[in-house]
Protein backbone atom coordinates (compact mmCIF):
# COMPACT_ATOMS: atom_id res chain seq x y z
CA MET A 1 -22.00 -105.05 -76.21
CA LEU A 2 -19.68 -107.70 -74.76
CA SER A 3 -19.41 -108.24 -71.06
CA ALA A 4 -16.35 -106.90 -69.27
CA ARG A 5 -16.34 -109.89 -66.91
CA ALA A 6 -14.47 -112.21 -69.25
CA PRO A 7 -12.02 -111.09 -71.92
CA ILE A 8 -12.49 -112.32 -75.45
CA ALA A 9 -9.36 -112.67 -77.51
CA GLU A 10 -10.27 -112.41 -81.19
CA ASN A 11 -7.17 -114.05 -82.69
CA CYS A 12 -4.34 -114.96 -80.35
CA SER A 13 -2.26 -116.55 -83.08
CA VAL A 14 -1.53 -113.01 -84.25
CA ASP A 15 -1.61 -111.23 -80.89
CA PRO A 16 0.30 -113.28 -78.27
CA CYS A 17 -2.13 -112.62 -75.44
CA LYS A 18 -2.33 -114.87 -72.40
CA PRO A 19 -5.87 -115.00 -71.01
CA ARG A 20 -6.53 -116.29 -67.53
CA ARG A 21 -7.77 -119.85 -67.11
CA PRO A 22 -10.18 -121.51 -67.62
CA VAL A 23 -10.44 -120.77 -71.28
CA VAL A 24 -12.56 -122.05 -74.15
CA LEU A 25 -10.94 -122.32 -77.56
CA LEU A 26 -13.68 -121.65 -80.11
CA THR A 27 -12.92 -122.80 -83.65
CA GLU A 28 -15.31 -121.01 -85.97
CA ASN A 29 -14.71 -119.11 -89.19
CA ARG A 30 -18.13 -117.43 -89.36
CA ASP A 31 -18.03 -114.10 -87.51
CA GLU A 32 -21.70 -114.10 -86.53
CA VAL A 33 -21.50 -117.58 -84.98
CA PHE A 34 -18.29 -116.72 -83.14
CA ALA A 35 -19.75 -113.45 -81.83
CA ARG A 36 -22.91 -115.11 -80.47
CA LEU A 37 -21.09 -118.00 -78.78
CA ALA A 38 -18.25 -115.85 -77.45
CA TYR A 39 -20.64 -113.30 -75.99
CA ASP A 40 -22.76 -115.92 -74.25
CA LEU A 41 -19.71 -117.76 -72.90
CA ALA A 42 -18.25 -114.47 -71.66
CA GLU A 43 -21.51 -113.90 -69.79
CA THR A 44 -20.78 -117.10 -67.83
CA GLY A 45 -17.33 -115.73 -66.94
CA VAL A 46 -15.27 -117.90 -69.29
CA PRO A 47 -12.64 -116.25 -71.51
CA VAL A 48 -12.72 -117.30 -75.16
CA LEU A 49 -9.91 -117.66 -77.67
CA ARG A 50 -10.71 -117.79 -81.36
CA ALA A 51 -9.27 -119.88 -84.13
CA LYS A 52 -10.76 -119.43 -87.59
CA MET A 53 -9.09 -122.53 -89.00
CA ALA A 54 -8.44 -126.00 -87.60
CA HIS A 55 -4.65 -125.74 -87.95
CA GLU A 56 -4.73 -122.54 -85.84
CA ALA A 57 -6.81 -124.35 -83.22
CA VAL A 58 -4.25 -127.14 -82.89
CA LYS A 59 -1.44 -124.59 -82.39
CA LEU A 60 -3.44 -122.60 -79.83
CA CYS A 61 -4.37 -125.82 -78.05
CA GLY A 62 -0.70 -126.60 -77.52
CA ARG A 63 0.08 -123.05 -76.45
CA TYR A 64 -2.77 -122.32 -74.02
CA ARG A 65 -4.00 -125.76 -72.90
CA PRO A 66 -7.67 -124.71 -72.87
CA MET A 67 -10.16 -126.38 -70.57
CA LEU A 68 -12.43 -126.96 -73.57
CA VAL A 69 -12.29 -126.83 -77.36
CA LEU A 70 -15.64 -125.93 -78.90
CA ALA A 71 -15.48 -126.32 -82.65
CA ASN A 72 -17.49 -126.38 -85.82
CA ALA A 73 -17.30 -129.98 -87.03
CA ARG A 74 -16.63 -128.69 -90.54
CA PRO A 75 -13.88 -126.08 -90.39
CA LEU A 76 -12.65 -124.70 -93.71
CA ASP A 77 -9.20 -126.29 -93.86
CA GLN A 78 -9.72 -129.86 -92.59
CA SER A 79 -12.32 -132.07 -90.97
CA GLY A 80 -13.28 -131.65 -87.35
CA TRP A 81 -12.42 -135.31 -86.86
CA LEU A 82 -8.84 -134.75 -87.98
CA MET A 83 -8.56 -131.63 -85.84
CA ALA A 84 -9.82 -133.53 -82.77
CA ALA A 85 -7.34 -136.37 -83.37
CA LYS A 86 -4.45 -133.88 -83.63
CA MET A 87 -5.55 -132.19 -80.41
CA GLN A 88 -5.54 -135.57 -78.66
CA LEU A 89 -1.89 -135.90 -79.68
CA VAL A 90 -1.11 -132.47 -78.23
CA ASP A 91 -2.95 -133.16 -74.96
CA PRO A 92 -4.68 -136.52 -74.34
CA ARG A 93 -6.86 -134.92 -71.64
CA ILE A 94 -8.29 -132.24 -73.92
CA ARG A 95 -12.07 -131.90 -73.87
CA VAL A 96 -13.53 -131.43 -77.36
CA TRP A 97 -17.11 -130.52 -78.22
CA LEU A 98 -18.03 -130.44 -81.90
CA TYR A 99 -21.19 -128.92 -83.30
CA GLN A 100 -22.92 -129.24 -86.64
CA THR A 101 -26.41 -128.78 -88.01
CA ARG A 102 -27.21 -132.51 -88.08
CA THR A 103 -25.50 -135.68 -86.91
CA SER A 104 -25.59 -139.15 -88.39
CA SER A 105 -24.79 -142.53 -86.88
CA TYR A 106 -21.39 -142.25 -88.60
CA ASP A 107 -20.76 -138.93 -86.83
CA GLN A 108 -21.69 -140.44 -83.49
CA ARG A 109 -19.41 -143.44 -84.05
CA MET A 110 -16.52 -141.13 -85.01
CA ALA A 111 -17.14 -139.01 -81.92
CA ASP A 112 -17.00 -142.10 -79.73
CA PHE A 113 -13.87 -143.40 -81.45
CA LEU A 114 -12.07 -140.05 -81.13
CA GLN A 115 -13.24 -139.54 -77.55
CA ILE A 116 -15.08 -136.34 -78.38
CA GLU A 117 -16.92 -135.43 -75.22
CA ARG A 118 -19.97 -133.91 -76.89
CA LEU A 119 -21.38 -133.89 -80.40
CA LEU A 120 -24.00 -131.17 -80.65
CA ALA A 121 -26.63 -131.10 -83.39
CA TYR A 122 -28.29 -127.71 -83.43
CA GLY A 123 -30.45 -127.84 -86.55
CA GLY A 124 -29.04 -124.58 -87.94
CA ASP A 125 -30.54 -122.46 -85.13
CA LEU A 126 -27.69 -120.36 -83.73
CA LEU A 127 -29.59 -119.32 -80.61
CA ARG A 128 -30.36 -122.96 -79.88
CA LEU A 129 -26.69 -123.84 -80.22
CA SER A 130 -25.71 -121.03 -77.89
CA ASP A 131 -28.33 -122.06 -75.33
CA MET A 132 -27.14 -125.69 -75.45
CA VAL A 133 -23.49 -124.71 -75.00
CA VAL A 134 -24.20 -122.37 -72.09
CA ALA A 135 -26.48 -124.92 -70.41
CA LEU A 136 -23.83 -127.64 -70.74
CA MET A 137 -21.07 -125.31 -69.51
CA THR A 138 -23.02 -124.42 -66.38
CA ALA A 139 -24.32 -127.96 -65.71
CA THR A 140 -22.49 -130.58 -63.72
CA PRO A 141 -20.06 -132.73 -65.69
CA SER A 142 -21.57 -135.85 -67.19
CA SER A 143 -20.50 -138.72 -69.39
CA ARG A 144 -19.82 -138.40 -73.11
CA ARG A 145 -23.03 -138.24 -75.17
CA ALA A 146 -24.51 -136.77 -78.32
CA ILE A 147 -27.08 -133.99 -78.13
CA ASN A 148 -29.45 -134.20 -81.10
CA ALA A 149 -31.88 -131.73 -82.65
């Protein structure tokens, strides 16, 4: 059961809801991954918006100006790199965290080039990903770095 402390908006591109700030825009097409991350973020008191596709995420980013975009690095409709670059055009101050099962040196160079704040490698373990995200959300802000499996 989801916590009542922080509302979770399933798909605000269809339902024009306006959650209170701060908000995390979670770009994830897999329902089970979204549900786990959204629930754990809601437990920390942060409302979550969902975008299933990268193009939806860019639109919602412009509309809601989230404090953070947490996204699968491989959304269905375009690369996470392209999505992050488009979000930088919408709002140069946007904080983007991308996650994927493994990262390479190419991924880390792209993350640096595109000013992606965090590149999370979670090794395919959803609970590990959720723990990393919650720990980073509740920790003090730090410089841009990659978190590897």
